[in-house]
Amino acid sequence: MPLGQDIDLEEKGITDTGSHVRGGIDTGGGLIFIAATSDKKIRAFDQKNGHMVWETDLSETGQAITSTYAIEGKQYVTIAVNPNPEMEFNGGYFTYALK
């Protein structure tokens, strides 16, 4: 199954096109996170079966491989996003805590 969508083609009713992907990261808990796709989403997949278990929208496209780190035993994933001058957004990071 293709990962991501080409937004321009999706607007024309063409779906399941896939998207350029820059890579992902796996966690010790068996998840793979991918966010560097052109459709402005971050997704988590089950490492054992490849099924998507979570996704959410980002304000802009992810620009790097997702990072993961822990603070006081709590794990986080972070993705850098592209700046968007039209939205007066200078780029930044989205960080999500894992349960």
PDB file of N, CA and C in Angstrom:
ATOM      1  N   MET A   1       0.841  -1.175   0.000  1.00  0.00           N
ATOM      2  CA  MET A   1       0.000   0.000   0.000  1.00  0.00           C
ATOM      3  C   MET A   1       0.887   1.239   0.000  1.00  0.00           C
ATOM      4  N   PRO A   2       0.569   2.230  -0.827  1.00  0.00           N
ATOM      5  CA  PRO A   2       1.347   3.463  -0.860  1.00  0.00           C
ATOM      6  C   PRO A   2       1.257   4.219   0.465  1.00  0.00           C
ATOM      7  N   LEU A   3       2.312   4.932   0.796  1.00  0.00           N
ATOM      8  CA  LEU A   3       2.342   5.741   2.013  1.00  0.00           C
ATOM      9  C   LEU A   3       2.181   7.192   1.640  1.00  0.00           C
ATOM     10  N   GLY A   4       1.191   7.850   2.219  1.00  0.00           N
ATOM     11  CA  GLY A   4       0.967   9.266   1.965  1.00  0.00           C
ATOM     12  C   GLY A   4       0.132   9.515   0.724  1.00  0.00           C
ATOM     13  N   GLN A   5      -0.123  10.791   0.483  1.00  0.00           N
ATOM     14  CA  GLN A   5      -0.930  11.212  -0.654  1.00  0.00           C
ATOM     15  C   GLN A   5      -0.253  12.390  -1.341  1.00  0.00           C
ATOM     16  N   ASP A   6      -0.392  12.465  -2.649  1.00  0.00           N
ATOM     17  CA  ASP A   6      -0.029  13.667  -3.380  1.00  0.00           C
ATOM     18  C   ASP A   6      -1.233  14.598  -3.259  1.00  0.00           C
ATOM     19  N   ILE A   7      -1.068  15.711  -2.562  1.00  0.00           N
ATOM     20  CA  ILE A   7      -2.195  16.586  -2.238  1.00  0.00           C
ATOM     21  C   ILE A   7      -2.848  17.123  -3.506  1.00  0.00           C
ATOM     22  N   ASP A   8      -2.071  17.513  -4.501  1.00  0.00           N
ATOM     23  CA  ASP A   8      -2.638  18.046  -5.748  1.00  0.00           C
ATOM     24  C   ASP A   8      -3.485  16.999  -6.454  1.00  0.00           C
ATOM     25  N   LEU A   9      -3.018  15.761  -6.507  1.00  0.00           N
ATOM     26  CA  LEU A   9      -3.790  14.700  -7.147  1.00  0.00           C
ATOM     27  C   LEU A   9      -5.018  14.337  -6.323  1.00  0.00           C
ATOM     28  N   GLU A  10      -4.888  14.356  -5.004  1.00  0.00           N
ATOM     29  CA  GLU A  10      -6.032  14.041  -4.142  1.00  0.00           C
ATOM     30  C   GLU A  10      -7.163  15.043  -4.364  1.00  0.00           C
ATOM     31  N   GLU A  11      -6.830  16.316  -4.558  1.00  0.00           N
ATOM     32  CA  GLU A  11      -7.850  17.340  -4.825  1.00  0.00           C
ATOM     33  C   GLU A  11      -8.591  17.077  -6.134  1.00  0.00           C
ATOM     34  N   LYS A  12      -7.966  16.322  -7.038  1.00  0.00           N
ATOM     35  CA  LYS A  12      -8.586  15.966  -8.312  1.00  0.00           C
ATOM     36  C   LYS A  12      -9.299  14.615  -8.247  1.00  0.00           C
ATOM     37  N   GLY A  13      -9.350  14.024  -7.047  1.00  0.00           N
ATOM     38  CA  GLY A  13     -10.039  12.757  -6.867  1.00  0.00           C
ATOM     39  C   GLY A  13      -9.170  11.531  -7.078  1.00  0.00           C
ATOM     40  N   ILE A  14      -7.882  11.726  -7.274  1.00  0.00           N
ATOM     41  CA  ILE A  14      -6.970  10.605  -7.484  1.00  0.00           C
ATOM     42  C   ILE A  14      -6.311  10.285  -6.143  1.00  0.00           C
ATOM     43  N   THR A  15      -6.571   9.109  -5.603  1.00  0.00           N
ATOM     44  CA  THR A  15      -6.085   8.764  -4.267  1.00  0.00           C
ATOM     45  C   THR A  15      -5.122   7.586  -4.320  1.00  0.00           C
ATOM     46  N   ASP A  16      -4.568   7.262  -3.164  1.00  0.00           N
ATOM     47  CA  ASP A  16      -3.621   6.150  -3.015  1.00  0.00           C
ATOM     48  C   ASP A  16      -2.422   6.288  -3.958  1.00  0.00           C
ATOM     49  N   THR A  17      -1.915   7.518  -4.072  1.00  0.00           N
ATOM     50  CA  THR A  17      -0.802   7.785  -4.980  1.00  0.00           C
ATOM     51  C   THR A  17       0.554   7.548  -4.342  1.00  0.00           C
ATOM     52  N   GLY A  18       0.613   7.629  -3.020  1.00  0.00           N
ATOM     53  CA  GLY A  18       1.894   7.575  -2.335  1.00  0.00           C
ATOM     54  C   GLY A  18       2.536   8.945  -2.343  1.00  0.00           C
ATOM     55  N   SER A  19       3.601   9.058  -1.595  1.00  0.00           N
ATOM     56  CA  SER A  19       4.278  10.335  -1.417  1.00  0.00           C
ATOM     57  C   SER A  19       5.761  10.079  -1.223  1.00  0.00           C
ATOM     58  N   HIS A  20       6.576  11.044  -1.579  1.00  0.00           N
ATOM     59  CA  HIS A  20       8.005  10.952  -1.317  1.00  0.00           C
ATOM     60  C   HIS A  20       8.213  10.839   0.193  1.00  0.00           C
ATOM     61  N   VAL A  21       9.035   9.907   0.630  1.00  0.00           N
ATOM     62  CA  VAL A  21       9.285   9.693   2.060  1.00  0.00           C
ATOM     63  C   VAL A  21      10.779   9.786   2.311  1.00  0.00           C
ATOM     64  N   ARG A  22      11.161  10.503   3.365  1.00  0.00           N
ATOM     65  CA  ARG A  22      12.571  10.674   3.691  1.00  0.00           C
ATOM     66  C   ARG A  22      13.063   9.700   4.755  1.00  0.00           C
ATOM     67  N   GLY A  23      12.213   8.861   5.294  1.00  0.00           N
ATOM     68  CA  GLY A  23      12.645   7.878   6.280  1.00  0.00           C
ATOM     69  C   GLY A  23      11.837   7.960   7.554  1.00  0.00           C
ATOM     70  N   GLY A  24      12.089   7.025   8.447  1.00  0.00           N
ATOM     71  CA  GLY A  24      11.376   6.963   9.709  1.00  0.00           C
ATOM     72  C   GLY A  24      12.277   6.431  10.798  1.00  0.00           C
ATOM     73  N   ILE A  25      11.709   6.259  11.970  1.00  0.00           N
ATOM     74  CA  ILE A  25      12.466   5.768  13.115  1.00  0.00           C
ATOM     75  C   ILE A  25      11.614   4.758  13.863  1.00  0.00           C
ATOM     76  N   ASP A  26      12.252   3.722  14.375  1.00  0.00           N
ATOM     77  CA  ASP A  26      11.512   2.742  15.164  1.00  0.00           C
ATOM     78  C   ASP A  26      11.814   2.962  16.644  1.00  0.00           C
ATOM     79  N   THR A  27      10.874   2.540  17.464  1.00  0.00           N
ATOM     80  CA  THR A  27      11.006   2.692  18.910  1.00  0.00           C
ATOM     81  C   THR A  27      11.167   1.323  19.556  1.00  0.00           C
ATOM     82  N   GLY A  28      11.650   1.323  20.778  1.00  0.00           N
ATOM     83  CA  GLY A  28      11.773   0.083  21.522  1.00  0.00           C
ATOM     84  C   GLY A  28      10.431  -0.561  21.807  1.00  0.00           C
ATOM     85  N   GLY A  29       9.360   0.210  21.720  1.00  0.00           N
ATOM     86  CA  GLY A  29       8.023  -0.308  21.972  1.00  0.00           C
ATOM     87  C   GLY A  29       7.358  -0.912  20.749  1.00  0.00           C
ATOM     88  N   GLY A  30       8.097  -1.032  19.645  1.00  0.00           N
ATOM     89  CA  GLY A  30       7.547  -1.700  18.470  1.00  0.00           C
ATOM     90  C   GLY A  30       6.784  -0.809  17.513  1.00  0.00           C
ATOM     91  N   LEU A  31       7.011   0.507  17.555  1.00  0.00           N
ATOM     92  CA  LEU A  31       6.352   1.418  16.623  1.00  0.00           C
ATOM     93  C   LEU A  31       7.380   2.005  15.664  1.00  0.00           C
ATOM     94  N   ILE A  32       6.928   2.315  14.459  1.00  0.00           N
ATOM     95  CA  ILE A  32       7.734   3.037  13.483  1.00  0.00           C
ATOM     96  C   ILE A  32       7.004   4.349  13.196  1.00  0.00           C
ATOM     97  N   PHE A  33       7.715   5.471  13.334  1.00  0.00           N
ATOM     98  CA  PHE A  33       7.145   6.785  13.064  1.00  0.00           C
ATOM     99  C   PHE A  33       7.725   7.336  11.775  1.00  0.00           C
ATOM    100  N   ILE A  34       6.835   7.832  10.915  1.00  0.00           N
ATOM    101  CA  ILE A  34       7.238   8.467   9.662  1.00  0.00           C
ATOM    102  C   ILE A  34       6.459   9.772   9.537  1.00  0.00           C
ATOM    103  N   ALA A  35       7.188  10.869   9.314  1.00  0.00           N
ATOM    104  CA  ALA A  35       6.522  12.163   9.177  1.00  0.00           C
ATOM    105  C   ALA A  35       7.062  12.981   8.024  1.00  0.00           C
ATOM    106  N   ALA A  36       8.141  12.596   7.411  1.00  0.00           N
ATOM    107  CA  ALA A  36       8.735  13.389   6.340  1.00  0.00           C
ATOM    108  C   ALA A  36       8.111  13.010   5.002  1.00  0.00           C
ATOM    109  N   THR A  37       6.799  13.274   4.883  1.00  0.00           N
ATOM    110  CA  THR A  37       6.065  13.041   3.643  1.00  0.00           C
ATOM    111  C   THR A  37       5.468  14.369   3.188  1.00  0.00           C
ATOM    112  N   SER A  38       5.127  14.466   1.927  1.00  0.00           N
ATOM    113  CA  SER A  38       4.627  15.738   1.402  1.00  0.00           C
ATOM    114  C   SER A  38       3.175  16.018   1.764  1.00  0.00           C
ATOM    115  N   ASP A  39       2.483  15.084   2.405  1.00  0.00           N
ATOM    116  CA  ASP A  39       1.073  15.310   2.711  1.00  0.00           C
ATOM    117  C   ASP A  39       0.832  15.849   4.121  1.00  0.00           C
ATOM    118  N   LYS A  40       1.861  16.316   4.795  1.00  0.00           N
ATOM    119  CA  LYS A  40       1.737  17.016   6.081  1.00  0.00           C
ATOM    120  C   LYS A  40       1.108  16.152   7.173  1.00  0.00           C
ATOM    121  N   LYS A  41       1.553  14.911   7.297  1.00  0.00           N
ATOM    122  CA  LYS A  41       1.055  14.014   8.337  1.00  0.00           C
ATOM    123  C   LYS A  41       2.219  13.336   9.040  1.00  0.00           C
ATOM    124  N   ILE A  42       1.965  12.928  10.265  1.00  0.00           N
ATOM    125  CA  ILE A  42       2.873  12.039  10.975  1.00  0.00           C
ATOM    126  C   ILE A  42       2.075  10.769  11.256  1.00  0.00           C
ATOM    127  N   ARG A  43       2.739   9.627  11.071  1.00  0.00           N
ATOM    128  CA  ARG A  43       2.053   8.342  11.229  1.00  0.00           C
ATOM    129  C   ARG A  43       2.893   7.407  12.080  1.00  0.00           C
ATOM    130  N   ALA A  44       2.194   6.519  12.781  1.00  0.00           N
ATOM    131  CA  ALA A  44       2.857   5.455  13.538  1.00  0.00           C
ATOM    132  C   ALA A  44       2.344   4.124  13.008  1.00  0.00           C
ATOM    133  N   PHE A  45       3.288   3.186  12.837  1.00  0.00           N
ATOM    134  CA  PHE A  45       2.967   1.857  12.328  1.00  0.00           C
ATOM    135  C   PHE A  45       3.426   0.814  13.324  1.00  0.00           C
ATOM    136  N   ASP A  46       2.680  -0.277  13.386  1.00  0.00           N
ATOM    137  CA  ASP A  46       3.085  -1.422  14.195  1.00  0.00           C
ATOM    138  C   ASP A  46       4.253  -2.102  13.487  1.00  0.00           C
ATOM    139  N   GLN A  47       5.356  -2.238  14.186  1.00  0.00           N
ATOM    140  CA  GLN A  47       6.569  -2.793  13.593  1.00  0.00           C
ATOM    141  C   GLN A  47       6.399  -4.256  13.174  1.00  0.00           C
ATOM    142  N   LYS A  48       5.536  -4.995  13.850  1.00  0.00           N
ATOM    143  CA  LYS A  48       5.368  -6.419  13.557  1.00  0.00           C
ATOM    144  C   LYS A  48       4.548  -6.692  12.302  1.00  0.00           C
ATOM    145  N   ASN A  49       3.478  -5.905  12.095  1.00  0.00           N
ATOM    146  CA  ASN A  49       2.596  -6.213  10.973  1.00  0.00           C
ATOM    147  C   ASN A  49       2.473  -5.099   9.938  1.00  0.00           C
ATOM    148  N   GLY A  50       3.065  -3.928  10.208  1.00  0.00           N
ATOM    149  CA  GLY A  50       3.034  -2.823   9.258  1.00  0.00           C
ATOM    150  C   GLY A  50       1.749  -2.019   9.247  1.00  0.00           C
ATOM    151  N   HIS A  51       0.785  -2.371  10.087  1.00  0.00           N
ATOM    152  CA  HIS A  51      -0.479  -1.631  10.105  1.00  0.00           C
ATOM    153  C   HIS A  51      -0.299  -0.255  10.743  1.00  0.00           C
ATOM    154  N   MET A  52      -0.946   0.751  10.149  1.00  0.00           N
ATOM    155  CA  MET A  52      -0.917   2.075  10.730  1.00  0.00           C
ATOM    156  C   MET A  52      -1.800   2.077  11.989  1.00  0.00           C
ATOM    157  N   VAL A  53      -1.264   2.571  13.095  1.00  0.00           N
ATOM    158  CA  VAL A  53      -2.006   2.587  14.346  1.00  0.00           C
ATOM    159  C   VAL A  53      -2.382   4.006  14.778  1.00  0.00           C
ATOM    160  N   TRP A  54      -1.800   5.013  14.127  1.00  0.00           N
ATOM    161  CA  TRP A  54      -2.088   6.404  14.499  1.00  0.00           C
ATOM    162  C   TRP A  54      -1.593   7.321  13.401  1.00  0.00           C
ATOM    163  N   GLU A  55      -2.322   8.417  13.177  1.00  0.00           N
ATOM    164  CA  GLU A  55      -1.855   9.484  12.301  1.00  0.00           C
ATOM    165  C   GLU A  55      -2.513  10.786  12.716  1.00  0.00           C
ATOM    166  N   THR A  56      -1.827  11.881  12.440  1.00  0.00           N
ATOM    167  CA  THR A  56      -2.397  13.200  12.686  1.00  0.00           C
ATOM    168  C   THR A  56      -1.789  14.173  11.696  1.00  0.00           C
ATOM    169  N   ASP A  57      -2.462  15.301  11.506  1.00  0.00           N
ATOM    170  CA  ASP A  57      -2.002  16.324  10.578  1.00  0.00           C
ATOM    171  C   ASP A  57      -0.945  17.206  11.214  1.00  0.00           C
ATOM    172  N   LEU A  58      -0.006  17.660  10.395  1.00  0.00           N
ATOM    173  CA  LEU A  58       0.971  18.674  10.772  1.00  0.00           C
ATOM    174  C   LEU A  58       0.603  19.963  10.032  1.00  0.00           C
ATOM    175  N   SER A  59       1.082  21.102  10.501  1.00  0.00           N
ATOM    176  CA  SER A  59       0.774  22.355   9.808  1.00  0.00           C
ATOM    177  C   SER A  59       1.550  22.479   8.506  1.00  0.00           C
ATOM    178  N   GLU A  60       2.695  21.816   8.411  1.00  0.00           N
ATOM    179  CA  GLU A  60       3.549  21.851   7.224  1.00  0.00           C
ATOM    180  C   GLU A  60       4.193  20.484   7.028  1.00  0.00           C
ATOM    181  N   THR A  61       4.956  20.338   5.963  1.00  0.00           N
ATOM    182  CA  THR A  61       5.603  19.061   5.686  1.00  0.00           C
ATOM    183  C   THR A  61       6.753  18.798   6.643  1.00  0.00           C
ATOM    184  N   GLY A  62       6.883  17.550   7.050  1.00  0.00           N
ATOM    185  CA  GLY A  62       8.018  17.148   7.859  1.00  0.00           C
ATOM    186  C   GLY A  62       9.285  17.227   7.030  1.00  0.00           C
ATOM    187  N   GLN A  63      10.369  17.665   7.646  1.00  0.00           N
ATOM    188  CA  GLN A  63      11.606  17.905   6.893  1.00  0.00           C
ATOM    189  C   GLN A  63      12.781  17.063   7.340  1.00  0.00           C
ATOM    190  N   ALA A  64      12.535  16.074   8.146  1.00  0.00           N
ATOM    191  CA  ALA A  64      13.643  15.268   8.652  1.00  0.00           C
ATOM    192  C   ALA A  64      13.108  13.916   9.087  1.00  0.00           C
ATOM    193  N   ILE A  65      14.017  13.019   9.402  1.00  0.00           N
ATOM    194  CA  ILE A  65      13.613  11.761  10.010  1.00  0.00           C
ATOM    195  C   ILE A  65      13.154  12.074  11.431  1.00  0.00           C
ATOM    196  N   THR A  66      12.058  11.494  11.835  1.00  0.00           N
ATOM    197  CA  THR A  66      11.528  11.696  13.174  1.00  0.00           C
ATOM    198  C   THR A  66      12.573  11.303  14.211  1.00  0.00           C
ATOM    199  N   SER A  67      12.658  12.074  15.283  1.00  0.00           N
ATOM    200  CA  SER A  67      13.589  11.781  16.378  1.00  0.00           C
ATOM    201  C   SER A  67      12.814  11.252  17.568  1.00  0.00           C
ATOM    202  N   THR A  68      13.471  10.495  18.391  1.00  0.00           N
ATOM    203  CA  THR A  68      12.859  10.017  19.622  1.00  0.00           C
ATOM    204  C   THR A  68      13.838  10.190  20.775  1.00  0.00           C
ATOM    205  N   TYR A  69      13.302  10.468  21.949  1.00  0.00           N
ATOM    206  CA  TYR A  69      14.127  10.653  23.147  1.00  0.00           C
ATOM    207  C   TYR A  69      13.258  10.400  24.365  1.00  0.00           C
ATOM    208  N   ALA A  70      13.880  10.281  25.518  1.00  0.00           N
ATOM    209  CA  ALA A  70      13.151  10.054  26.765  1.00  0.00           C
ATOM    210  C   ALA A  70      13.631  11.041  27.822  1.00  0.00           C
ATOM    211  N   ILE A  71      12.702  11.480  28.639  1.00  0.00           N
ATOM    212  CA  ILE A  71      12.988  12.334  29.791  1.00  0.00           C
ATOM    213  C   ILE A  71      12.276  11.719  30.981  1.00  0.00           C
ATOM    214  N   GLU A  72      13.033  11.398  32.008  1.00  0.00           N
ATOM    215  CA  GLU A  72      12.487  10.801  33.234  1.00  0.00           C
ATOM    216  C   GLU A  72      11.569   9.623  32.927  1.00  0.00           C
ATOM    217  N   GLY A  73      11.997   8.770  32.004  1.00  0.00           N
ATOM    218  CA  GLY A  73      11.257   7.552  31.692  1.00  0.00           C
ATOM    219  C   GLY A  73      10.099   7.727  30.728  1.00  0.00           C
ATOM    220  N   LYS A  74       9.798   8.940  30.296  1.00  0.00           N
ATOM    221  CA  LYS A  74       8.711   9.195  29.350  1.00  0.00           C
ATOM    222  C   LYS A  74       9.311   9.388  27.965  1.00  0.00           C
ATOM    223  N   GLN A  75       8.806   8.655  26.954  1.00  0.00           N
ATOM    224  CA  GLN A  75       9.347   8.736  25.603  1.00  0.00           C
ATOM    225  C   GLN A  75       8.561   9.727  24.755  1.00  0.00           C
ATOM    226  N   TYR A  76       9.294  10.433  23.880  1.00  0.00           N
ATOM    227  CA  TYR A  76       8.719  11.439  22.990  1.00  0.00           C
ATOM    228  C   TYR A  76       9.220  11.204  21.568  1.00  0.00           C
ATOM    229  N   VAL A  77       8.430  11.627  20.590  1.00  0.00           N
ATOM    230  CA  VAL A  77       8.878  11.681  19.201  1.00  0.00           C
ATOM    231  C   VAL A  77       8.716  13.123  18.727  1.00  0.00           C
ATOM    232  N   THR A  78       9.673  13.576  17.927  1.00  0.00           N
ATOM    233  CA  THR A  78       9.694  14.959  17.443  1.00  0.00           C
ATOM    234  C   THR A  78       9.976  14.973  15.950  1.00  0.00           C
ATOM    235  N   ILE A  79       9.311  15.890  15.235  1.00  0.00           N
ATOM    236  CA  ILE A  79       9.574  16.086  13.810  1.00  0.00           C
ATOM    237  C   ILE A  79       9.753  17.573  13.536  1.00  0.00           C
ATOM    238  N   ALA A  80      10.772  17.900  12.759  1.00  0.00           N
ATOM    239  CA  ALA A  80      10.975  19.277  12.291  1.00  0.00           C
ATOM    240  C   ALA A  80      10.063  19.508  11.091  1.00  0.00           C
ATOM    241  N   VAL A  81       9.420  20.671  11.038  1.00  0.00           N
ATOM    242  CA  VAL A  81       8.533  20.991   9.918  1.00  0.00           C
ATOM    243  C   VAL A  81       9.052  22.200   9.152  1.00  0.00           C
ATOM    244  N   ASN A  82       8.657  22.244   7.903  1.00  0.00           N
ATOM    245  CA  ASN A  82       9.095  23.264   6.954  1.00  0.00           C
ATOM    246  C   ASN A  82       8.511  24.636   7.289  1.00  0.00           C
ATOM    247  N   PRO A  83       9.277  25.701   7.106  1.00  0.00           N
ATOM    248  CA  PRO A  83       8.713  27.040   7.259  1.00  0.00           C
ATOM    249  C   PRO A  83       7.703  27.348   6.159  1.00  0.00           C
ATOM    250  N   ASN A  84       6.736  28.190   6.459  1.00  0.00           N
ATOM    251  CA  ASN A  84       5.731  28.606   5.487  1.00  0.00           C
ATOM    252  C   ASN A  84       5.536  30.116   5.598  1.00  0.00           C
ATOM    253  N   PRO A  85       6.155  30.905   4.696  1.00  0.00           N
ATOM    254  CA  PRO A  85       6.051  32.356   4.777  1.00  0.00           C
ATOM    255  C   PRO A  85       4.626  32.870   4.612  1.00  0.00           C
ATOM    256  N   GLU A  86       3.775  32.127   3.893  1.00  0.00           N
ATOM    257  CA  GLU A  86       2.388  32.555   3.712  1.00  0.00           C
ATOM    258  C   GLU A  86       1.621  32.536   5.030  1.00  0.00           C
ATOM    259  N   MET A  87       2.034  31.697   5.973  1.00  0.00           N
ATOM    260  CA  MET A  87       1.356  31.599   7.262  1.00  0.00           C
ATOM    261  C   MET A  87       2.142  32.305   8.365  1.00  0.00           C
ATOM    262  N   GLU A  88       3.191  33.041   7.986  1.00  0.00           N
ATOM    263  CA  GLU A  88       4.077  33.675   8.958  1.00  0.00           C
ATOM    264  C   GLU A  88       4.593  32.642   9.958  1.00  0.00           C
ATOM    265  N   PHE A  89       4.943  31.485   9.429  1.00  0.00           N
ATOM    266  CA  PHE A  89       5.428  30.383  10.244  1.00  0.00           C
ATOM    267  C   PHE A  89       6.872  30.127   9.868  1.00  0.00           C
ATOM    268  N   ASN A  90       7.775  30.235  10.809  1.00  0.00           N
ATOM    269  CA  ASN A  90       9.201  30.127  10.531  1.00  0.00           C
ATOM    270  C   ASN A  90       9.745  28.722  10.694  1.00  0.00           C
ATOM    271  N   GLY A  91       8.880  27.753  10.672  1.00  0.00           N
ATOM    272  CA  GLY A  91       9.319  26.380  10.886  1.00  0.00           C
ATOM    273  C   GLY A  91       9.352  26.092  12.377  1.00  0.00           C
ATOM    274  N   GLY A  92       9.577  24.868  12.688  1.00  0.00           N
ATOM    275  CA  GLY A  92       9.608  24.501  14.100  1.00  0.00           C
ATOM    276  C   GLY A  92       9.539  23.003  14.256  1.00  0.00           C
ATOM    277  N   TYR A  93       9.022  22.586  15.392  1.00  0.00           N
ATOM    278  CA  TYR A  93       8.988  21.172  15.738  1.00  0.00           C
ATOM    279  C   TYR A  93       7.628  20.819  16.321  1.00  0.00           C
ATOM    280  N   PHE A  94       7.200  19.603  16.041  1.00  0.00           N
ATOM    281  CA  PHE A  94       6.030  19.029  16.699  1.00  0.00           C
ATOM    282  C   PHE A  94       6.544  17.867  17.538  1.00  0.00           C
ATOM    283  N   THR A  95       6.120  17.805  18.772  1.00  0.00           N
ATOM    284  CA  THR A  95       6.555  16.743  19.680  1.00  0.00           C
ATOM    285  C   THR A  95       5.336  16.069  20.277  1.00  0.00           C
ATOM    286  N   TYR A  96       5.391  14.740  20.322  1.00  0.00           N
ATOM    287  CA  TYR A  96       4.290  13.939  20.858  1.00  0.00           C
ATOM    288  C   TYR A  96       4.832  13.003  21.923  1.00  0.00           C
ATOM    289  N   ALA A  97       4.103  12.886  23.017  1.00  0.00           N
ATOM    290  CA  ALA A  97       4.476  11.949  24.088  1.00  0.00           C
ATOM    291  C   ALA A  97       3.849  10.590  23.797  1.00  0.00           C
ATOM    292  N   LEU A  98       4.598   9.534  24.058  1.00  0.00           N
ATOM    293  CA  LEU A  98       4.082   8.178  23.910  1.00  0.00           C
ATOM    294  C   LEU A  98       3.546   7.711  25.245  1.00  0.00           C
ATOM    295  N   LYS A  99       2.475   6.942  25.190  1.00  0.00           N
ATOM    296  CA  LYS A  99       1.886   6.411  26.435  1.00  0.00           C
ATOM    297  C   LYS A  99       2.569   5.141  26.840  1.00  0.00           C
TER     298      LYS A  99
END
